[in-house]
Amino acid sequence: LQPNPEPVTNQSGQGKDTDTGIEVDTRSPLEKLRYGDLKPFGYNLFESEPTTFAPVGGVPAPEQYVIGPGDRLRIFLFGKETAEYDLVVNRDGTLVIPNLDRLNVQGLSFEALQSLIEERVQQRKIGVTSVVTLDELRSIQVFVLGDVNQPGSFAVSAFSTLVNALFVAGGVTEDGSLRSIQLKRNGQT
């Protein structure tokens, strides 16, 4: 048995394997990169534009979702009295429930909010129970800067991730690095 001979190549690095006759590229990855044939991995992820990252409706909220201004809640009351309220958390973080109370809900988890409203309903209305759902999530402002195609401030859903923010900013430029992306919040990275 003889070892396979080296493919016969031309100056462009293209050649045919002498045994199989199949076209092969014998250039090293560095040569392919130098001549523009090897594309950096991952940048094409951001080539298509997102349809939207606007507030999402009808999505079940996780129990630990933190309530804030702009969240839209739906409260159902059942029992001796029935009612349905479509309410929005005010800018000051309060929720005003008609015929019940004004509650400071900013910073509470969704689970804690459900418990608080249930407790207040039971205190104020005997024989009435409540069900609380998140009807629409608030938008949050994010500021994307650095080597992105469209740096600036964007409104995204409260459930958005870093990848969603990069999508609305047009993705990372080829001068940027996909390995060095940072989220900075409240002075911490």
C-alpha atoms as a PDB file:
ATOM      1  CA  LEU A   1       0.000   0.000   0.000  1.00  0.00           C
ATOM      2  CA  GLN A   2       1.208   3.444  -0.842  1.00  0.00           C
ATOM      3  CA  PRO A   3       0.118   6.598   0.975  1.00  0.00           C
ATOM      4  CA  ASN A   4      -2.295   8.904  -0.828  1.00  0.00           C
ATOM      5  CA  PRO A   5      -0.359  11.360  -2.935  1.00  0.00           C
ATOM      6  CA  GLU A   6      -0.788  15.074  -2.268  1.00  0.00           C
ATOM      7  CA  PRO A   7      -3.530  16.714  -4.350  1.00  0.00           C
ATOM      8  CA  VAL A   8      -2.339  18.537  -7.415  1.00  0.00           C
ATOM      9  CA  THR A   9      -2.980  22.226  -6.792  1.00  0.00           C
ATOM     10  CA  ASN A  10      -2.807  25.432  -8.742  1.00  0.00           C
ATOM     11  CA  GLN A  11      -1.820  28.880  -7.397  1.00  0.00           C
ATOM     12  CA  SER A  12      -5.305  29.590  -6.040  1.00  0.00           C
ATOM     13  CA  GLY A  13      -5.089  26.587  -3.721  1.00  0.00           C
ATOM     14  CA  GLN A  14      -7.754  24.663  -5.631  1.00  0.00           C
ATOM     15  CA  GLY A  15      -6.893  21.261  -6.955  1.00  0.00           C
ATOM     16  CA  LYS A  16      -8.057  17.729  -7.598  1.00  0.00           C
ATOM     17  CA  ASP A  17      -7.326  14.750  -5.465  1.00  0.00           C
ATOM     18  CA  THR A  18      -5.440  12.423  -7.843  1.00  0.00           C
ATOM     19  CA  ASP A  19      -7.148   9.301  -6.464  1.00  0.00           C
ATOM     20  CA  THR A  20     -10.756  10.477  -6.377  1.00  0.00           C
ATOM     21  CA  GLY A  21     -10.738  13.389  -8.809  1.00  0.00           C
ATOM     22  CA  ILE A  22     -12.710  15.492  -6.315  1.00  0.00           C
ATOM     23  CA  GLU A  23     -12.038  19.245  -6.114  1.00  0.00           C
ATOM     24  CA  VAL A  24     -10.336  20.151  -2.806  1.00  0.00           C
ATOM     25  CA  ASP A  25      -9.165  23.399  -1.260  1.00  0.00           C
ATOM     26  CA  THR A  26      -5.691  22.885   0.144  1.00  0.00           C
ATOM     27  CA  ARG A  27      -5.236  26.351   1.647  1.00  0.00           C
ATOM     28  CA  SER A  28      -4.802  26.759   5.380  1.00  0.00           C
ATOM     29  CA  PRO A  29      -7.564  28.518   7.370  1.00  0.00           C
ATOM     30  CA  LEU A  30      -5.258  31.552   7.684  1.00  0.00           C
ATOM     31  CA  GLU A  31      -4.906  31.738   3.897  1.00  0.00           C
ATOM     32  CA  LYS A  32      -8.688  31.408   3.486  1.00  0.00           C
ATOM     33  CA  LEU A  33      -9.198  34.242   5.968  1.00  0.00           C
ATOM     34  CA  ARG A  34      -6.579  36.382   4.211  1.00  0.00           C
ATOM     35  CA  TYR A  35      -8.305  35.974   0.823  1.00  0.00           C
ATOM     36  CA  GLY A  36     -11.790  36.549   2.222  1.00  0.00           C
ATOM     37  CA  ASP A  37     -13.067  33.013   1.721  1.00  0.00           C
ATOM     38  CA  LEU A  38     -13.367  32.228   5.445  1.00  0.00           C
ATOM     39  CA  LYS A  39     -16.031  34.271   7.217  1.00  0.00           C
ATOM     40  CA  PRO A  40     -15.925  34.981  10.970  1.00  0.00           C
ATOM     41  CA  PHE A  41     -18.359  32.737  12.821  1.00  0.00           C
ATOM     42  CA  GLY A  42     -21.538  34.183  14.326  1.00  0.00           C
ATOM     43  CA  TYR A  43     -21.842  37.585  12.656  1.00  0.00           C
ATOM     44  CA  ASN A  44     -24.403  36.344  10.143  1.00  0.00           C
ATOM     45  CA  LEU A  45     -26.804  35.697  13.055  1.00  0.00           C
ATOM     46  CA  PHE A  46     -27.696  39.406  13.028  1.00  0.00           C
ATOM     47  CA  GLU A  47     -28.155  39.778   9.247  1.00  0.00           C
ATOM     48  CA  SER A  48     -31.952  39.420   9.351  1.00  0.00           C
ATOM     49  CA  GLU A  49     -33.933  42.160  11.047  1.00  0.00           C
ATOM     50  CA  PRO A  50     -36.152  41.220  13.992  1.00  0.00           C
ATOM     51  CA  THR A  51     -39.888  41.564  13.522  1.00  0.00           C
ATOM     52  CA  THR A  52     -40.392  43.112  16.971  1.00  0.00           C
ATOM     53  CA  PHE A  53     -39.319  42.999  20.574  1.00  0.00           C
ATOM     54  CA  ALA A  54     -42.279  45.094  21.700  1.00  0.00           C
ATOM     55  CA  PRO A  55     -44.168  44.315  24.900  1.00  0.00           C
ATOM     56  CA  VAL A  56     -45.540  40.804  24.873  1.00  0.00           C
ATOM     57  CA  GLY A  57     -49.138  40.033  25.757  1.00  0.00           C
ATOM     58  CA  GLY A  58     -50.656  36.748  26.847  1.00  0.00           C
ATOM     59  CA  VAL A  59     -47.398  35.222  28.073  1.00  0.00           C
ATOM     60  CA  PRO A  60     -47.484  33.533  31.471  1.00  0.00           C
ATOM     61  CA  ALA A  61     -45.278  35.503  33.829  1.00  0.00           C
ATOM     62  CA  PRO A  62     -42.719  33.666  35.914  1.00  0.00           C
ATOM     63  CA  GLU A  63     -43.376  33.831  39.644  1.00  0.00           C
ATOM     64  CA  GLN A  64     -40.190  35.871  40.198  1.00  0.00           C
ATOM     65  CA  TYR A  65     -40.971  38.507  37.526  1.00  0.00           C
ATOM     66  CA  VAL A  66     -40.457  41.930  39.148  1.00  0.00           C
ATOM     67  CA  ILE A  67     -43.421  44.286  38.805  1.00  0.00           C
ATOM     68  CA  GLY A  68     -42.763  47.842  37.643  1.00  0.00           C
ATOM     69  CA  PRO A  69     -44.448  50.913  36.137  1.00  0.00           C
ATOM     70  CA  GLY A  70     -46.217  50.144  32.874  1.00  0.00           C
ATOM     71  CA  ASP A  71     -47.122  46.521  33.622  1.00  0.00           C
ATOM     72  CA  ARG A  72     -50.788  45.871  32.787  1.00  0.00           C
ATOM     73  CA  LEU A  73     -52.637  43.578  35.206  1.00  0.00           C
ATOM     74  CA  ARG A  74     -56.039  41.946  35.012  1.00  0.00           C
ATOM     75  CA  ILE A  75     -57.782  41.246  38.315  1.00  0.00           C
ATOM     76  CA  PHE A  76     -60.847  38.989  38.527  1.00  0.00           C
ATOM     77  CA  LEU A  77     -63.049  38.904  41.638  1.00  0.00           C
ATOM     78  CA  PHE A  78     -65.342  35.909  42.263  1.00  0.00           C
ATOM     79  CA  GLY A  79     -67.806  34.984  44.985  1.00  0.00           C
ATOM     80  CA  LYS A  80     -70.488  37.193  46.555  1.00  0.00           C
ATOM     81  CA  GLU A  81     -69.355  39.852  44.121  1.00  0.00           C
ATOM     82  CA  THR A  82     -67.871  39.486  40.650  1.00  0.00           C
ATOM     83  CA  ALA A  83     -65.791  42.055  38.847  1.00  0.00           C
ATOM     84  CA  GLU A  84     -62.989  42.357  36.333  1.00  0.00           C
ATOM     85  CA  TYR A  85     -60.422  45.154  36.390  1.00  0.00           C
ATOM     86  CA  ASP A  86     -57.853  46.004  33.733  1.00  0.00           C
ATOM     87  CA  LEU A  87     -55.234  48.079  35.569  1.00  0.00           C
ATOM     88  CA  VAL A  88     -51.795  49.566  34.830  1.00  0.00           C
ATOM     89  CA  VAL A  89     -49.066  50.086  37.417  1.00  0.00           C
ATOM     90  CA  ASN A  90     -48.629  53.879  37.668  1.00  0.00           C
ATOM     91  CA  ARG A  91     -45.325  55.715  37.190  1.00  0.00           C
ATOM     92  CA  ASP A  92     -44.939  55.990  40.941  1.00  0.00           C
ATOM     93  CA  GLY A  93     -45.200  52.184  41.262  1.00  0.00           C
ATOM     94  CA  THR A  94     -48.713  52.095  42.698  1.00  0.00           C
ATOM     95  CA  LEU A  95     -51.751  50.113  41.635  1.00  0.00           C
ATOM     96  CA  VAL A  96     -55.211  51.538  42.339  1.00  0.00           C
ATOM     97  CA  ILE A  97     -57.895  48.855  42.625  1.00  0.00           C
ATOM     98  CA  PRO A  98     -61.402  50.367  42.528  1.00  0.00           C
ATOM     99  CA  ASN A  99     -63.386  49.971  45.758  1.00  0.00           C
ATOM    100  CA  LEU A 100     -60.374  48.358  47.429  1.00  0.00           C
ATOM    101  CA  ASP A 101     -57.092  50.087  47.935  1.00  0.00           C
ATOM    102  CA  ARG A 102     -54.067  51.857  46.565  1.00  0.00           C
ATOM    103  CA  LEU A 103     -51.097  49.459  46.740  1.00  0.00           C
ATOM    104  CA  ASN A 104     -47.388  50.154  46.321  1.00  0.00           C
ATOM    105  CA  VAL A 105     -46.349  47.230  44.094  1.00  0.00           C
ATOM    106  CA  GLN A 106     -43.106  48.379  42.452  1.00  0.00           C
ATOM    107  CA  GLY A 107     -40.294  45.914  43.100  1.00  0.00           C
ATOM    108  CA  LEU A 108     -42.577  43.093  44.234  1.00  0.00           C
ATOM    109  CA  SER A 109     -42.319  39.728  42.541  1.00  0.00           C
ATOM    110  CA  PHE A 110     -45.419  38.615  40.633  1.00  0.00           C
ATOM    111  CA  GLU A 111     -45.941  35.913  43.261  1.00  0.00           C
ATOM    112  CA  ALA A 112     -45.802  38.483  46.102  1.00  0.00           C
ATOM    113  CA  LEU A 113     -48.206  40.765  44.209  1.00  0.00           C
ATOM    114  CA  GLN A 114     -50.733  37.934  43.826  1.00  0.00           C
ATOM    115  CA  SER A 115     -50.522  37.191  47.565  1.00  0.00           C
ATOM    116  CA  LEU A 116     -50.860  40.875  48.505  1.00  0.00           C
ATOM    117  CA  ILE A 117     -53.966  41.414  46.365  1.00  0.00           C
ATOM    118  CA  GLU A 118     -55.531  38.144  47.548  1.00  0.00           C
ATOM    119  CA  GLU A 119     -54.950  39.178  51.173  1.00  0.00           C
ATOM    120  CA  ARG A 120     -56.447  42.662  50.655  1.00  0.00           C
ATOM    121  CA  VAL A 121     -59.506  41.283  48.858  1.00  0.00           C
ATOM    122  CA  GLN A 122     -60.150  38.798  51.671  1.00  0.00           C
ATOM    123  CA  GLN A 123     -59.772  41.598  54.282  1.00  0.00           C
ATOM    124  CA  ARG A 124     -62.096  44.066  52.520  1.00  0.00           C
ATOM    125  CA  LYS A 125     -64.636  41.822  50.784  1.00  0.00           C
ATOM    126  CA  ILE A 126     -65.926  38.808  52.718  1.00  0.00           C
ATOM    127  CA  GLY A 127     -66.679  35.789  50.535  1.00  0.00           C
ATOM    128  CA  VAL A 128     -64.723  37.101  47.536  1.00  0.00           C
ATOM    129  CA  THR A 129     -61.572  35.582  46.044  1.00  0.00           C
ATOM    130  CA  SER A 130     -59.242  37.041  43.450  1.00  0.00           C
ATOM    131  CA  VAL A 131     -57.219  35.910  40.462  1.00  0.00           C
ATOM    132  CA  VAL A 132     -54.428  38.148  39.155  1.00  0.00           C
ATOM    133  CA  THR A 133     -52.818  37.814  35.723  1.00  0.00           C
ATOM    134  CA  LEU A 134     -50.244  39.861  33.857  1.00  0.00           C
ATOM    135  CA  ASP A 135     -51.967  41.091  30.728  1.00  0.00           C
ATOM    136  CA  GLU A 136     -49.124  43.046  29.128  1.00  0.00           C
ATOM    137  CA  LEU A 137     -45.504  43.533  30.124  1.00  0.00           C
ATOM    138  CA  ARG A 138     -43.873  46.921  30.263  1.00  0.00           C
ATOM    139  CA  SER A 139     -41.195  48.090  27.884  1.00  0.00           C
ATOM    140  CA  ILE A 140     -37.738  48.841  29.208  1.00  0.00           C
ATOM    141  CA  GLN A 141     -35.169  51.238  27.770  1.00  0.00           C
ATOM    142  CA  VAL A 142     -31.753  49.797  26.971  1.00  0.00           C
ATOM    143  CA  PHE A 143     -28.732  51.674  25.688  1.00  0.00           C
ATOM    144  CA  VAL A 144     -26.497  49.710  23.328  1.00  0.00           C
ATOM    145  CA  LEU A 145     -23.083  51.111  22.511  1.00  0.00           C
ATOM    146  CA  GLY A 146     -19.749  49.972  21.177  1.00  0.00           C
ATOM    147  CA  ASP A 147     -19.090  48.115  17.946  1.00  0.00           C
ATOM    148  CA  VAL A 148     -22.708  47.626  16.881  1.00  0.00           C
ATOM    149  CA  ASN A 149     -24.303  48.675  13.604  1.00  0.00           C
ATOM    150  CA  GLN A 150     -26.812  51.102  15.152  1.00  0.00           C
ATOM    151  CA  PRO A 151     -25.777  52.214  18.647  1.00  0.00           C
ATOM    152  CA  GLY A 152     -28.386  54.037  20.708  1.00  0.00           C
ATOM    153  CA  SER A 153     -31.334  53.743  23.043  1.00  0.00           C
ATOM    154  CA  PHE A 154     -34.040  51.163  22.329  1.00  0.00           C
ATOM    155  CA  ALA A 155     -37.342  50.084  23.909  1.00  0.00           C
ATOM    156  CA  VAL A 156     -37.564  46.311  24.362  1.00  0.00           C
ATOM    157  CA  SER A 157     -39.838  43.959  26.273  1.00  0.00           C
ATOM    158  CA  ALA A 158     -39.107  43.333  29.946  1.00  0.00           C
ATOM    159  CA  PHE A 159     -38.392  39.695  28.978  1.00  0.00           C
ATOM    160  CA  SER A 160     -35.729  40.672  26.426  1.00  0.00           C
ATOM    161  CA  THR A 161     -32.195  39.311  26.669  1.00  0.00           C
ATOM    162  CA  LEU A 162     -28.814  40.646  25.592  1.00  0.00           C
ATOM    163  CA  VAL A 163     -29.264  38.919  22.235  1.00  0.00           C
ATOM    164  CA  ASN A 164     -32.587  40.741  21.698  1.00  0.00           C
ATOM    165  CA  ALA A 165     -30.868  44.070  22.435  1.00  0.00           C
ATOM    166  CA  LEU A 166     -28.102  43.231  19.952  1.00  0.00           C
ATOM    167  CA  PHE A 167     -30.722  42.389  17.307  1.00  0.00           C
ATOM    168  CA  VAL A 168     -32.470  45.764  17.630  1.00  0.00           C
ATOM    169  CA  ALA A 169     -29.061  47.476  17.419  1.00  0.00           C
ATOM    170  CA  GLY A 170     -28.367  45.736  14.104  1.00  0.00           C
ATOM    171  CA  GLY A 171     -25.834  43.265  15.499  1.00  0.00           C
ATOM    172  CA  VAL A 172     -22.128  43.422  16.191  1.00  0.00           C
ATOM    173  CA  THR A 173     -19.892  44.906  13.488  1.00  0.00           C
ATOM    174  CA  GLU A 174     -17.009  42.859  12.149  1.00  0.00           C
ATOM    175  CA  ASP A 175     -14.657  45.177  14.082  1.00  0.00           C
ATOM    176  CA  GLY A 176     -16.391  44.139  17.311  1.00  0.00           C
ATOM    177  CA  SER A 177     -16.017  40.935  19.235  1.00  0.00           C
ATOM    178  CA  LEU A 178     -18.742  38.423  19.993  1.00  0.00           C
ATOM    179  CA  ARG A 179     -16.587  37.214  22.894  1.00  0.00           C
ATOM    180  CA  SER A 180     -16.532  40.488  24.781  1.00  0.00           C
ATOM    181  CA  ILE A 181     -20.141  41.576  25.310  1.00  0.00           C
ATOM    182  CA  GLN A 182     -21.037  43.093  28.672  1.00  0.00           C
ATOM    183  CA  LEU A 183     -24.264  43.973  30.458  1.00  0.00           C
ATOM    184  CA  LYS A 184     -23.895  46.919  32.812  1.00  0.00           C
ATOM    185  CA  ARG A 185     -26.657  47.642  35.325  1.00  0.00           C
ATOM    186  CA  ASN A 186     -26.635  49.830  38.412  1.00  0.00           C
ATOM    187  CA  GLY A 187     -22.880  50.439  38.115  1.00  0.00           C
ATOM    188  CA  GLN A 188     -22.034  46.730  37.984  1.00  0.00           C
ATOM    189  CA  THR A 189     -20.922  44.576  35.069  1.00  0.00           C
END
